[in-house]
């Protein structure tokens, strides 16, 4: 089905004109413009090896522009099978720099191209970390030049790792400080792990500095039955200042557990911990968590951007739940979320720029929850009897934000294509609940062109 004819296609979530989308990559604010990259395959609604880095830009996080594809696989090179996820920064010389996982397929390589046994993970793909720099004078970050040799060519020696990908910068270098990045990984014995690397330069010279953290023996606080994963993909690690205690600094570690085992959803819930970082090690056993980052069933691979004024903004991949059909797209990115800490609790809200409310008369009525086509959710904190919800409905894509900090993303497809619009109901399973006040507003398309 063409994009113009599909009533389920979102209009105020970042997505390509057509084709496949997955992980957001390397969001960066550079010379007055926000840049957002993401995994993309043009012309198909299915994942494939030939993944690229697509690119969108915005001056205000509200209106976005499609830019030319930033990175494509290079034949017979380190990324011949795909330009996988990574990060973007401005290096010590002021040059915009990308670090991403470059992938080759084992079955396409000569034996002499296989890594030495001590570094070979035995996976179907061979991963390394490749750096690229922006062409001089290109302030729009359109043209990228790949370095000939990998920034991190091999995984650590002798570790039985289950993956080696998704670099994320956690500390910028300069003035005696090392550059530091983390990589998603796992061990066959302990499950998910996060590898730490450091260097004097953003583009090269990276050396293994041990594990930032390893595995967790504690179950998820929101759902003890959740599998914590054999590998942790797309990690992000950032500092948060508590708004209720400004002198308190806490770090958040978020991971995307892999592989996916749940039958009723396309992905595992992303997990996070809040705790202290001593420069080289983040101790999960003394941290608070793990907790579910999102209480819905489609969010995966979140990443973050630190804005000039210190705000920490997160975007994530929102997956499809439908399968089959003649659709020419799959996936979109979440509305940018502002992450903060209040009284030791993680709070997620849409960035203020993205929502512009206007008053609208509220309706009242009843609803038989037994007739609901779909339910998704989880526990929320209720410090008092009143809860404020912000619900963003973008055709099939629904994001819900609670004033106590929780967030939920899901998909609701129209069974009846003649419906003019969605309806929102508040359902409580324990007590009688009513709307005290409702405000509603329309959201316009985010695309400037």
Protein backbone atom coordinates (compact mmCIF):
# COMPACT_ATOMS: atom_id res chain seq x y z
CA UNK A 1 0.00 0.00 0.00
CA UNK A 2 1.38 3.43 -0.89
CA UNK A 3 2.21 5.81 1.91
CA UNK A 4 -0.43 8.35 0.89
CA UNK A 5 -3.20 5.74 1.03
CA UNK A 6 -2.31 4.20 4.38
CA UNK A 7 -4.33 5.75 7.26
CA UNK A 8 -1.98 4.09 9.77
CA UNK A 9 1.16 5.90 8.60
CA UNK A 10 2.43 8.39 11.26
CA UNK A 11 2.91 12.05 10.31
CA UNK A 12 4.65 13.63 13.32
CA UNK A 13 7.21 10.91 13.98
CA UNK A 14 10.54 10.89 12.11
CA UNK A 15 10.61 8.18 9.44
CA UNK A 16 11.86 7.79 5.85
CA UNK A 17 9.72 8.50 2.81
CA UNK A 18 9.62 4.74 2.27
CA UNK A 19 11.44 1.61 3.32
CA UNK A 20 12.71 0.03 6.51
CA UNK A 21 13.80 1.96 9.64
CA UNK A 22 15.35 0.69 12.85
CA UNK A 23 17.85 2.10 15.40
CA UNK A 24 18.35 5.87 15.73
CA UNK A 25 22.05 6.70 15.49
CA UNK A 26 24.32 9.53 16.60
CA UNK A 27 21.96 12.43 17.31
CA UNK A 28 24.00 15.62 17.47
CA UNK A 29 23.48 19.38 17.74
CA UNK A 30 25.96 21.12 15.44
CA UNK A 31 26.13 24.82 14.58
CA UNK A 32 22.48 25.56 15.27
CA UNK A 33 20.99 22.39 13.78
CA UNK A 34 19.86 19.07 15.23
CA UNK A 35 20.95 16.07 13.18
CA UNK A 36 19.40 12.64 13.58
CA UNK A 37 20.66 9.54 11.78
CA UNK A 38 18.94 6.17 11.68
CA UNK A 39 19.26 2.67 10.24
CA UNK A 40 17.47 2.49 6.90
CA UNK A 41 16.91 0.32 3.84
CA UNK A 42 15.24 2.07 0.94
CA UNK A 43 12.54 0.38 -1.11
CA UNK A 44 11.60 -2.47 1.22
CA UNK A 45 9.66 -2.88 4.45
CA UNK A 46 11.98 -5.68 5.61
CA UNK A 47 15.41 -5.71 7.23
CA UNK A 48 18.34 -6.70 5.05
CA UNK A 49 22.12 -6.75 5.23
CA UNK A 50 22.55 -3.64 3.07
CA UNK A 51 21.63 -1.26 5.89
CA UNK A 52 22.57 2.42 5.57
CA UNK A 53 22.59 5.55 7.74
CA UNK A 54 19.71 7.83 6.77
CA UNK A 55 19.72 11.46 7.91
CA UNK A 56 17.16 14.06 8.98
CA UNK A 57 17.80 17.57 10.31
CA UNK A 58 15.87 20.18 12.27
CA UNK A 59 16.45 23.66 13.66
CA UNK A 60 13.92 23.28 16.48
CA UNK A 61 13.03 19.57 17.04
CA UNK A 62 9.62 20.37 15.52
CA UNK A 63 10.03 20.65 11.75
CA UNK A 64 12.33 18.13 10.08
CA UNK A 65 13.97 17.84 6.66
CA UNK A 66 15.04 14.65 4.88
CA UNK A 67 18.74 14.83 4.02
CA UNK A 68 20.74 12.60 1.63
CA UNK A 69 21.83 9.19 2.92
CA UNK A 70 24.92 9.69 5.08
CA UNK A 71 26.61 6.27 5.00
CA UNK A 72 26.28 3.31 2.63
CA UNK A 73 28.15 -0.02 2.63
CA UNK A 74 31.37 -0.11 0.60
CA UNK A 75 32.00 -3.20 -1.52
CA UNK A 76 34.88 -5.41 -0.35
CA UNK A 77 35.43 -3.19 2.69
CA UNK A 78 34.94 -3.40 6.46
CA UNK A 79 31.27 -2.47 6.13
CA UNK A 80 30.46 -4.46 2.97
CA UNK A 81 27.44 -6.09 4.66
CA UNK A 82 26.11 -3.03 6.43
CA UNK A 83 26.72 0.23 8.26
CA UNK A 84 25.29 -0.71 11.64
CA UNK A 85 24.54 1.49 14.63
CA UNK A 86 26.88 3.95 16.27
CA UNK A 87 27.48 7.45 17.56
CA UNK A 88 28.37 10.93 16.31
CA UNK A 89 30.48 13.57 18.03
CA UNK A 90 32.76 16.53 17.33
CA UNK A 91 36.37 15.43 17.78
CA UNK A 92 39.24 17.18 19.56
CA UNK A 93 39.95 19.22 16.40
CA UNK A 94 36.35 20.34 15.95
CA UNK A 95 35.60 17.85 13.16
CA UNK A 96 32.24 16.01 13.18
CA UNK A 97 33.06 12.31 13.54
CA UNK A 98 30.99 9.13 13.29
CA UNK A 99 31.95 5.85 14.96
CA UNK A 100 29.78 2.93 13.84
CA UNK A 101 29.79 -0.84 13.72
CA UNK A 102 30.96 -2.08 10.32
CA UNK A 103 29.82 -5.55 9.34
CA UNK A 104 31.04 -8.25 6.95
CA UNK A 105 29.35 -11.60 6.39
CA UNK A 106 31.44 -14.64 7.26
CA UNK A 107 30.06 -16.64 4.32
CA UNK A 108 31.27 -13.95 1.89
CA UNK A 109 34.89 -13.86 3.09
CA UNK A 110 38.01 -15.79 2.19
CA UNK A 111 39.51 -17.77 5.07
CA UNK A 112 42.42 -15.32 5.29
CA UNK A 113 39.95 -12.53 6.09
CA UNK A 114 38.56 -14.28 9.18
CA UNK A 115 39.88 -12.80 12.47
CA UNK A 116 42.50 -14.74 14.46
CA UNK A 117 40.97 -17.48 16.60
CA UNK A 118 41.58 -15.59 19.87
CA UNK A 119 39.44 -12.71 18.56
CA UNK A 120 36.90 -14.64 16.47
CA UNK A 121 33.42 -14.73 18.02
CA UNK A 122 32.19 -17.36 15.57
CA UNK A 123 29.13 -15.32 14.56
CA UNK A 124 27.61 -15.10 11.07
CA UNK A 125 28.76 -11.48 10.89
CA UNK A 126 32.20 -10.11 11.68
CA UNK A 127 31.98 -6.78 13.49
CA UNK A 128 34.49 -3.99 13.92
CA UNK A 129 34.18 -0.28 14.73
CA UNK A 130 34.85 2.14 11.89
CA UNK A 131 35.27 5.92 12.08
CA UNK A 132 34.28 8.53 9.51
CA UNK A 133 34.79 12.27 9.39
CA UNK A 134 32.75 14.97 7.74
CA UNK A 135 34.13 16.62 4.62
CA UNK A 136 35.86 19.92 5.51
CA UNK A 137 33.52 22.89 5.33
CA UNK A 138 30.37 20.75 5.26
CA UNK A 139 28.42 22.23 8.16
CA UNK A 140 25.25 20.39 7.05
CA UNK A 141 26.94 17.00 7.71
CA UNK A 142 26.03 15.67 4.27
CA UNK A 143 29.30 14.16 2.99
CA UNK A 144 31.26 11.67 5.09
CA UNK A 145 34.68 10.14 4.47
CA UNK A 146 35.41 6.69 5.91
CA UNK A 147 38.81 6.01 7.40
CA UNK A 148 40.67 3.17 5.69
CA UNK A 149 41.36 1.18 8.86
CA UNK A 150 38.97 0.42 11.75
CA UNK A 151 39.13 2.47 14.92
CA UNK A 152 38.60 -0.78 16.86
CA UNK A 153 39.42 -3.71 14.56
CA UNK A 154 38.90 -6.68 16.89
CA UNK A 155 37.08 -7.61 20.10
CA UNK A 156 39.17 -8.25 23.24
CA UNK A 157 41.28 -11.38 23.09
CA UNK A 158 39.99 -14.60 24.62
CA UNK A 159 36.54 -13.39 25.68
CA UNK A 160 33.60 -15.62 24.72
CA UNK A 161 31.49 -12.68 23.59
CA UNK A 162 28.04 -12.91 22.00
CA UNK A 163 28.37 -9.62 20.10
CA UNK A 164 30.55 -6.55 19.69
CA UNK A 165 28.63 -3.52 18.45
CA UNK A 166 26.86 -0.16 18.84
CA UNK A 167 29.55 2.30 20.08
CA UNK A 168 28.38 5.20 22.25
CA UNK A 169 30.62 8.06 23.44
CA UNK A 170 30.36 8.56 27.22
CA UNK A 171 33.16 11.10 27.70
CA UNK A 172 34.72 13.64 25.38
CA UNK A 173 38.48 14.05 25.49
CA UNK A 174 40.72 17.07 25.77
CA UNK A 175 42.71 18.97 28.39
CA UNK A 176 44.13 15.80 29.89
CA UNK A 177 40.91 13.81 29.67
CA UNK A 178 40.63 10.62 27.67
CA UNK A 179 37.87 9.94 25.19
CA UNK A 180 35.70 7.08 26.45
CA UNK A 181 33.14 4.94 24.66
CA UNK A 182 31.12 1.86 25.46
CA UNK A 183 30.14 -1.10 23.27
CA UNK A 184 27.21 -3.46 23.63
CA UNK A 185 28.18 -7.07 24.21
CA UNK A 186 27.58 -10.18 26.28
CA UNK A 187 29.36 -13.26 27.52
CA UNK A 188 28.19 -16.83 27.16
CA UNK A 189 28.53 -17.35 30.91
CA UNK A 190 27.13 -14.15 32.45
CA UNK A 191 24.82 -12.64 29.83
CA UNK A 192 24.85 -8.97 28.86
CA UNK A 193 27.96 -6.88 29.38
CA UNK A 194 29.20 -3.42 28.45
CA UNK A 195 32.77 -3.01 27.18
CA UNK A 196 34.72 0.19 27.92
CA UNK A 197 37.33 1.74 25.60
CA UNK A 198 39.45 4.89 25.87
CA UNK A 199 41.64 6.94 23.55
CA UNK A 200 43.40 10.27 23.08
CA UNK A 201 41.52 10.74 19.80
CA UNK A 202 37.88 10.26 18.81
CA UNK A 203 38.71 8.65 15.46
CA UNK A 204 41.51 6.21 16.32
CA UNK A 205 43.80 4.75 18.96
CA UNK A 206 41.07 3.13 21.04
CA UNK A 207 42.24 0.67 23.71
CA UNK A 208 40.19 -1.79 25.72
CA UNK A 209 39.81 -0.63 29.35
CA UNK A 210 37.76 -3.47 30.82
CA UNK A 211 34.06 -3.98 31.39
CA UNK A 212 31.99 -0.99 32.47
CA UNK A 213 29.61 -3.49 34.00
CA UNK A 214 28.64 -7.13 33.63
CA UNK A 215 25.35 -8.97 33.89
CA UNK A 216 22.72 -8.58 36.57
CA UNK A 217 21.64 -11.20 39.06
CA UNK A 218 18.50 -9.27 39.98
CA UNK A 219 15.23 -9.59 38.05
CA UNK A 220 13.43 -6.63 36.52
CA UNK A 221 11.57 -4.68 39.22
CA UNK A 222 8.59 -4.09 36.91
CA UNK A 223 8.32 -7.67 35.60
CA UNK A 224 10.46 -10.36 37.28
CA UNK A 225 9.70 -12.81 34.45
CA UNK A 226 11.60 -10.78 31.85
CA UNK A 227 14.69 -12.29 30.23
CA UNK A 228 17.62 -9.90 30.71
CA UNK A 229 19.22 -11.08 27.47
CA UNK A 230 22.37 -12.88 26.36
CA UNK A 231 23.68 -9.65 24.87
CA UNK A 232 22.98 -5.95 25.48
CA UNK A 233 22.58 -3.95 22.29
CA UNK A 234 22.55 -0.17 21.81
CA UNK A 235 23.66 0.88 25.30
CA UNK A 236 23.55 4.48 26.42
CA UNK A 237 25.14 5.84 29.58
CA UNK A 238 24.63 9.40 30.78
CA UNK A 239 24.73 11.72 33.75
CA UNK A 240 21.52 13.07 35.29
CA UNK A 241 21.16 15.87 37.82
CA UNK A 242 18.32 15.44 40.30
CA UNK A 243 15.96 18.41 39.93
CA UNK A 244 14.91 18.11 43.57
CA UNK A 245 18.51 17.85 44.81
CA UNK A 246 20.76 19.69 42.31
CA UNK A 247 23.95 18.65 44.08
CA UNK A 248 23.11 14.97 43.49
CA UNK A 249 24.51 13.43 40.31
CA UNK A 250 23.27 10.02 39.18
CA UNK A 251 24.15 7.98 36.10
CA UNK A 252 21.69 6.07 33.96
CA UNK A 253 22.67 2.94 32.04
CA UNK A 254 20.13 1.72 29.51
CA UNK A 255 20.42 -1.46 27.41
CA UNK A 256 18.38 -3.27 24.77
CA UNK A 257 18.42 -7.02 25.63
CA UNK A 258 18.94 -9.46 22.75
CA UNK A 259 17.84 -11.99 21.45
CA UNK A 260 14.08 -11.47 21.44
CA UNK A 261 11.99 -14.28 22.95
CA UNK A 262 8.55 -12.79 23.60
CA UNK A 263 5.75 -14.14 21.41
CA UNK A 264 3.35 -11.20 21.77
CA UNK A 265 5.77 -8.40 20.87
CA UNK A 266 8.58 -7.81 18.37
CA UNK A 267 11.20 -6.92 20.96
CA UNK A 268 12.31 -7.21 24.56
CA UNK A 269 11.65 -4.22 26.85
CA UNK A 270 14.64 -1.91 27.23
CA UNK A 271 16.05 -1.91 30.76
CA UNK A 272 17.77 0.79 32.80
CA UNK A 273 19.63 1.22 36.09
CA UNK A 274 20.33 4.37 38.14
CA UNK A 275 23.55 4.45 40.13
CA UNK A 276 27.02 5.86 40.74
CA UNK A 277 29.94 5.88 38.29
CA UNK A 278 33.50 5.96 39.56
CA UNK A 279 35.21 6.61 36.23
CA UNK A 280 35.78 3.04 35.09
CA UNK A 281 33.05 0.91 36.64
CA UNK A 282 29.26 1.04 37.06
CA UNK A 283 28.14 -1.47 39.70
CA UNK A 284 24.74 -2.95 38.86
CA UNK A 285 24.37 -4.67 42.21
CA UNK A 286 24.42 -1.37 44.11
CA UNK A 287 22.40 0.50 41.46
CA UNK A 288 18.61 0.84 41.43
CA UNK A 289 17.11 -1.44 38.79
CA UNK A 290 16.72 -2.94 36.37
CA UNK A 291 13.48 -1.23 35.40
CA UNK A 292 11.58 -1.06 32.11
CA UNK A 293 12.36 2.13 30.22
CA UNK A 294 9.02 1.97 28.41
CA UNK A 295 5.88 0.11 29.49
CA UNK A 296 4.69 -0.50 25.93
CA UNK A 297 5.58 -3.16 23.40
CA UNK A 298 7.38 -1.51 20.46
CA UNK A 299 10.25 0.67 21.78
CA UNK A 300 13.84 -0.49 21.27
CA UNK A 301 17.40 0.82 20.77
CA UNK A 302 17.10 4.25 22.46
CA UNK A 303 19.95 6.72 22.26
CA UNK A 304 20.51 10.21 23.64
CA UNK A 305 21.66 13.71 22.79
CA UNK A 306 23.11 16.21 25.26
CA UNK A 307 21.89 19.66 24.19
CA UNK A 308 23.91 22.88 24.64
CA UNK A 309 21.80 23.91 27.66
CA UNK A 310 22.37 20.54 29.33
CA UNK A 311 19.09 18.83 28.51
CA UNK A 312 19.29 15.07 27.89
CA UNK A 313 17.02 14.13 24.98
CA UNK A 314 16.24 10.54 24.01
CA UNK A 315 14.92 9.04 20.78
CA UNK A 316 14.17 5.38 20.11
CA UNK A 317 12.97 2.98 17.43
CA UNK A 318 9.20 2.35 17.46
CA UNK A 319 8.57 -0.93 15.68
CA UNK A 320 5.61 -2.24 13.74
CA UNK A 321 3.31 -4.91 15.17
CA UNK A 322 1.61 -5.89 11.91
CA UNK A 323 3.15 -8.41 9.56
CA UNK A 324 2.67 -8.96 5.86
CA UNK A 325 0.65 -6.75 3.58
CA UNK A 326 1.74 -4.50 0.74
CA UNK A 327 3.13 -1.68 2.88
CA UNK A 328 6.14 0.24 1.61
CA UNK A 329 7.46 1.34 5.02
CA UNK A 330 8.17 -0.11 8.46
CA UNK A 331 9.13 1.68 11.67
CA UNK A 332 9.45 5.24 12.92
CA UNK A 333 11.30 7.06 15.68
CA UNK A 334 9.76 8.16 18.96
CA UNK A 335 8.88 11.77 19.63
CA UNK A 336 12.02 13.25 21.25
CA UNK A 337 11.79 12.65 25.01
CA UNK A 338 13.29 14.81 27.72
CA UNK A 339 14.92 12.67 30.43
CA UNK A 340 15.25 14.05 33.95
CA UNK A 341 15.61 12.85 37.51
CA UNK A 342 13.19 13.98 40.21
CA UNK A 343 13.57 12.68 43.74
CA UNK A 344 15.67 9.78 42.52
CA UNK A 345 13.06 8.76 39.95
CA UNK A 346 13.49 8.79 36.16
CA UNK A 347 10.98 11.07 34.43
CA UNK A 348 10.25 11.00 30.69
CA UNK A 349 8.21 13.67 28.91
CA UNK A 350 7.99 14.81 25.28
CA UNK A 351 10.21 17.81 24.64
CA UNK A 352 8.11 20.98 25.11
CA UNK A 353 8.89 22.19 21.59
CA UNK A 354 7.05 19.23 20.06
CA UNK A 355 3.62 19.86 21.60
CA UNK A 356 1.42 22.95 21.35
CA UNK A 357 -1.88 22.48 23.27
CA UNK A 358 -5.09 24.41 22.73
CA UNK A 359 -8.33 24.10 24.68
CA UNK A 360 -11.05 21.74 23.45
CA UNK A 361 -14.27 20.70 25.16
CA UNK A 362 -13.91 17.31 26.80
CA UNK A 363 -16.38 14.49 26.32
CA UNK A 364 -17.64 12.03 28.90
CA UNK A 365 -18.96 8.51 28.67
CA UNK A 366 -18.45 4.88 29.61
CA UNK A 367 -16.48 2.08 28.05
CA UNK A 368 -16.62 -1.68 28.46
CA UNK A 369 -12.99 -2.71 28.93
CA UNK A 370 -13.87 -6.32 28.17
CA UNK A 371 -14.41 -5.28 24.54
CA UNK A 372 -10.96 -3.72 24.20
CA UNK A 373 -9.02 -5.10 21.25
CA UNK A 374 -5.63 -4.63 22.91
CA UNK A 375 -4.14 -3.93 26.33
CA UNK A 376 -0.58 -2.96 27.10
CA UNK A 377 0.94 -1.28 30.14
CA UNK A 378 2.62 -1.66 33.49
CA UNK A 379 2.76 -0.29 37.04
CA UNK A 380 2.98 3.46 37.64
CA UNK A 381 3.75 5.48 40.76
CA UNK A 382 0.80 7.38 42.27
CA UNK A 383 2.04 9.87 44.88
CA UNK A 384 -1.52 11.23 45.17
CA UNK A 385 -4.97 10.45 43.82
CA UNK A 386 -4.64 12.53 40.65
CA UNK A 387 -2.63 11.38 37.65
CA UNK A 388 -1.93 13.53 34.61
CA UNK A 389 -1.53 11.76 31.29
CA UNK A 390 -0.22 13.19 28.04
CA UNK A 391 -1.33 11.01 25.11
CA UNK A 392 0.12 11.49 21.62
CA UNK A 393 -1.88 9.69 18.93
CA UNK A 394 -0.28 9.71 15.49
CA UNK A 395 -2.44 7.42 13.37
CA UNK A 396 -1.25 3.90 14.40
CA UNK A 397 1.47 5.20 16.72
CA UNK A 398 0.51 5.99 20.34
CA UNK A 399 2.81 7.38 23.04
CA UNK A 400 1.58 7.95 26.60
CA UNK A 401 3.41 9.96 29.28
CA UNK A 402 2.51 9.96 32.99
CA UNK A 403 3.40 12.92 35.22
CA UNK A 404 5.08 10.52 37.66
CA UNK A 405 7.63 9.71 34.95
CA UNK A 406 6.53 6.54 33.20
CA UNK A 407 6.07 6.31 29.43
CA UNK A 408 4.47 3.86 27.03
CA UNK A 409 4.61 3.42 23.27
CA UNK A 410 2.46 1.04 21.24
CA UNK A 411 0.74 0.56 17.89
CA UNK A 412 -3.00 0.49 17.31
CA UNK A 413 -3.98 -0.28 13.73
CA UNK A 414 -7.42 0.51 12.39
CA UNK A 415 -9.52 -2.58 11.82
CA UNK A 416 -12.06 -0.36 10.08
CA UNK A 417 -10.33 1.81 7.47
CA UNK A 418 -13.40 4.10 7.29
CA UNK A 419 -12.89 5.40 10.83
CA UNK A 420 -12.20 9.13 10.87
CA UNK A 421 -9.93 9.12 13.90
CA UNK A 422 -8.87 7.38 17.12
CA UNK A 423 -10.63 7.40 20.47
CA UNK A 424 -8.89 7.48 23.86
CA UNK A 425 -10.21 5.71 26.95
CA UNK A 426 -8.91 5.62 30.51
CA UNK A 427 -9.26 2.15 32.02
CA UNK A 428 -8.51 1.28 35.66
CA UNK A 429 -8.46 -2.32 36.80
CA UNK A 430 -8.63 -1.62 40.55
CA UNK A 431 -10.69 1.48 41.33
CA UNK A 432 -13.27 3.75 39.77
CA UNK A 433 -11.52 6.37 37.65
CA UNK A 434 -12.79 9.50 35.95
CA UNK A 435 -11.47 12.33 33.82
CA UNK A 436 -11.39 15.60 35.76
CA UNK A 437 -10.18 17.68 32.82
CA UNK A 438 -9.31 16.99 29.19
CA UNK A 439 -7.42 19.20 26.75
CA UNK A 440 -6.88 18.11 23.15
CA UNK A 441 -5.05 19.53 20.17
CA UNK A 442 -4.11 18.63 16.63
CA UNK A 443 -0.53 17.87 15.61
CA UNK A 444 0.70 18.91 12.18
CA UNK A 445 3.13 17.01 9.99
CA UNK A 446 6.73 17.47 11.10
CA UNK A 447 8.11 17.59 7.57
CA UNK A 448 9.25 20.98 6.34
CA UNK A 449 9.38 19.97 2.66
